[in-house]
Amino acid sequence: MLYSQIESTVYTWASTNSSIPVIFANENGVRPDNKYITLNIISYTPIGQPYSHMTDINGDRYIDQNEDFTVELNAFYPGSNDDLQVLKNSLKKDVVIQSINDSGLVIRDENGTVMDISTLVDDTIEKRYLYEFRMSHTETIFENVSFIETVDIEQI
């Protein structure tokens, strides 16, 4: 699964289940004037060792690698912690779980807390809230390893 596909799936979930705008973090756009949520996918981590399937009669083999990643959501402006809580709660809905699973992703460890990480910015407290959870998917790699067709054995 390509990174852009993962981003698209996570963005679709967030924007569909949020009543305020969702934008990708670290973009060079204009900062919204009202409540909004930034979305960032961080810390890609391979889980365990790759699993190699048996080679078929054509010499083709598939290798699966499970990968874990963190979805980070930041909400800005007073009251936006409620918007993060709504997104968090949506991860329990069957229709959301099914949609995410159908795209090849799995929700993991979504029971985190919406945290208040407000900070002082230019003599004013900027209200900011954070919610992180983990997702995973299986990356499948194809290769043709060929195979030995015949072996000439010389008798001694």
Protein backbone atom coordinates (compact mmCIF):
# COMPACT_ATOMS: atom_id res chain seq x y z
CA MET A 1 0.00 0.00 0.00
CA LEU A 2 1.41 3.35 -0.98
CA TYR A 3 1.85 6.11 1.60
CA SER A 4 -0.51 8.32 -0.44
CA GLN A 5 -3.22 5.64 -0.18
CA ILE A 6 -2.79 5.50 3.59
CA GLU A 7 -2.99 9.31 3.80
CA SER A 8 -6.09 9.33 1.62
CA THR A 9 -7.89 6.71 3.73
CA VAL A 10 -7.07 8.42 7.03
CA TYR A 11 -7.97 11.86 5.66
CA THR A 12 -11.29 10.57 4.31
CA TRP A 13 -12.15 9.12 7.73
CA ALA A 14 -11.18 12.31 9.58
CA SER A 15 -12.86 14.77 7.23
CA THR A 16 -16.03 12.68 6.97
CA ASN A 17 -16.42 12.35 10.74
CA SER A 18 -15.43 15.90 11.73
CA SER A 19 -17.64 18.97 11.77
CA ILE A 20 -14.60 21.28 11.47
CA PRO A 21 -11.95 21.47 8.72
CA VAL A 22 -9.18 18.85 8.66
CA ILE A 23 -5.89 19.77 7.01
CA PHE A 24 -2.56 17.98 6.72
CA ALA A 25 0.10 19.11 9.17
CA ASN A 26 3.28 20.81 7.98
CA GLU A 27 1.70 22.35 4.90
CA ASN A 28 2.57 25.88 3.81
CA GLY A 29 -1.02 27.08 3.62
CA VAL A 30 -2.80 29.89 5.38
CA ARG A 31 -3.79 29.06 8.93
CA PRO A 32 -7.61 28.94 9.33
CA ASP A 33 -9.22 31.65 11.48
CA ASN A 34 -11.57 29.25 13.28
CA LYS A 35 -11.36 25.78 14.81
CA TYR A 36 -9.52 23.21 12.73
CA ILE A 37 -7.70 19.88 13.01
CA THR A 38 -4.28 19.00 11.61
CA LEU A 39 -3.58 15.43 10.55
CA ASN A 40 -0.14 13.85 10.51
CA ILE A 41 0.96 10.26 9.97
CA ILE A 42 4.17 9.57 11.85
CA SER A 43 6.53 6.85 13.07
CA TYR A 44 6.25 4.05 10.53
CA THR A 45 7.51 0.88 12.22
CA PRO A 46 7.89 -2.62 10.76
CA ILE A 47 6.36 -5.23 13.07
CA GLY A 48 8.20 -8.54 13.34
CA GLN A 49 9.99 -10.23 10.49
CA PRO A 50 8.78 -10.39 6.89
CA TYR A 51 6.81 -13.52 5.99
CA SER A 52 7.75 -15.18 2.70
CA HIS A 53 5.04 -17.23 1.03
CA MET A 54 5.89 -20.41 -0.85
CA THR A 55 7.24 -19.87 -4.36
CA ASP A 56 4.72 -20.94 -7.01
CA ILE A 57 5.45 -22.99 -10.13
CA ASN A 58 6.40 -19.82 -12.04
CA GLY A 59 9.01 -18.80 -9.50
CA ASP A 60 6.80 -16.02 -8.11
CA ARG A 61 6.80 -15.28 -4.40
CA TYR A 62 5.03 -12.77 -2.18
CA ILE A 63 6.57 -11.33 0.96
CA ASP A 64 4.36 -9.73 3.62
CA GLN A 65 5.58 -7.18 6.15
CA ASN A 66 3.26 -5.81 8.82
CA GLU A 67 3.78 -2.10 9.46
CA ASP A 68 2.51 0.05 12.30
CA PHE A 69 2.12 3.84 12.23
CA THR A 70 0.80 6.60 14.44
CA VAL A 71 -1.98 8.97 13.42
CA GLU A 72 -1.57 12.33 15.15
CA LEU A 73 -4.46 14.79 15.30
CA ASN A 74 -4.06 18.30 16.69
CA ALA A 75 -7.08 20.56 17.22
CA PHE A 76 -6.75 24.30 17.64
CA TYR A 77 -8.93 26.95 19.34
CA PRO A 78 -11.06 26.68 22.49
CA GLY A 79 -13.58 23.86 22.47
CA SER A 80 -11.90 21.88 19.71
CA ASN A 81 -11.13 19.10 22.21
CA ASP A 82 -14.78 18.08 21.76
CA ASP A 83 -14.16 17.73 18.02
CA LEU A 84 -11.24 15.37 18.68
CA GLN A 85 -13.42 13.37 21.07
CA VAL A 86 -16.03 12.99 18.32
CA LEU A 87 -13.34 11.65 15.95
CA LYS A 88 -12.05 9.31 18.65
CA ASN A 89 -15.55 7.97 19.29
CA SER A 90 -16.15 7.44 15.56
CA LEU A 91 -13.39 4.79 15.58
CA LYS A 92 -15.78 2.56 17.57
CA LYS A 93 -18.52 2.64 14.91
CA ASP A 94 -18.93 -0.52 12.84
CA VAL A 95 -19.33 1.41 9.59
CA VAL A 96 -16.06 3.29 10.20
CA ILE A 97 -14.16 0.16 11.18
CA GLN A 98 -15.46 -1.67 8.10
CA SER A 99 -14.56 1.20 5.76
CA ILE A 100 -11.03 1.44 7.15
CA ASN A 101 -10.57 -2.34 7.05
CA ASP A 102 -11.85 -2.48 3.45
CA SER A 103 -9.07 -0.07 2.49
CA GLY A 104 -6.44 -2.44 3.91
CA LEU A 105 -5.84 -0.68 7.23
CA VAL A 106 -6.49 -1.87 10.77
CA ILE A 107 -7.25 0.37 13.75
CA ARG A 108 -5.08 -0.44 16.76
CA ASP A 109 -4.82 1.10 20.18
CA GLU A 110 -7.41 3.84 19.67
CA ASN A 111 -8.12 4.18 23.40
CA GLY A 112 -5.75 7.07 24.02
CA THR A 113 -6.73 10.30 25.70
CA VAL A 114 -7.46 13.67 24.15
CA MET A 115 -4.77 15.78 25.81
CA ASP A 116 -4.66 19.52 26.41
CA ILE A 117 -1.24 20.69 25.17
CA SER A 118 -2.03 24.41 25.09
CA THR A 119 1.00 26.66 25.01
CA LEU A 120 2.00 30.31 25.27
CA VAL A 121 2.36 32.00 21.87
CA ASP A 122 3.13 35.74 21.75
CA ASP A 123 1.71 36.59 25.19
CA THR A 124 -1.45 34.52 24.54
CA ILE A 125 -2.32 30.96 25.45
CA GLU A 126 -3.00 29.01 22.25
CA LYS A 127 -5.58 26.32 22.94
CA ARG A 128 -4.38 23.08 21.38
CA TYR A 129 -5.43 19.49 21.90
CA LEU A 130 -3.77 16.25 20.83
CA TYR A 131 -5.10 12.76 20.12
CA GLU A 132 -2.89 9.94 18.84
CA PHE A 133 -3.70 6.37 17.93
CA ARG A 134 -2.06 3.54 16.04
CA MET A 135 -3.01 1.82 12.82
CA SER A 136 -1.38 -0.93 10.83
CA HIS A 137 -1.38 -2.53 7.43
CA THR A 138 0.43 -5.32 5.61
CA GLU A 139 2.83 -4.35 2.88
CA THR A 140 3.03 -7.06 0.21
CA ILE A 141 6.09 -7.23 -2.01
CA PHE A 142 6.30 -9.36 -5.15
CA GLU A 143 9.43 -10.91 -6.55
CA ASN A 144 10.30 -13.58 -9.07
CA VAL A 145 12.98 -15.76 -7.56
CA SER A 146 13.01 -18.23 -10.41
CA PHE A 147 13.93 -21.83 -9.69
CA ILE A 148 16.26 -24.60 -10.75
CA GLU A 149 14.76 -26.49 -13.70
CA THR A 150 17.37 -29.15 -14.22
CA VAL A 151 20.54 -30.27 -12.56
CA ASP A 152 23.26 -32.11 -14.44
CA ILE A 153 24.83 -34.68 -12.20
CA GLU A 154 28.18 -36.08 -13.17
CA GLN A 155 28.88 -39.56 -11.89
CA ILE A 156 32.26 -40.24 -10.39
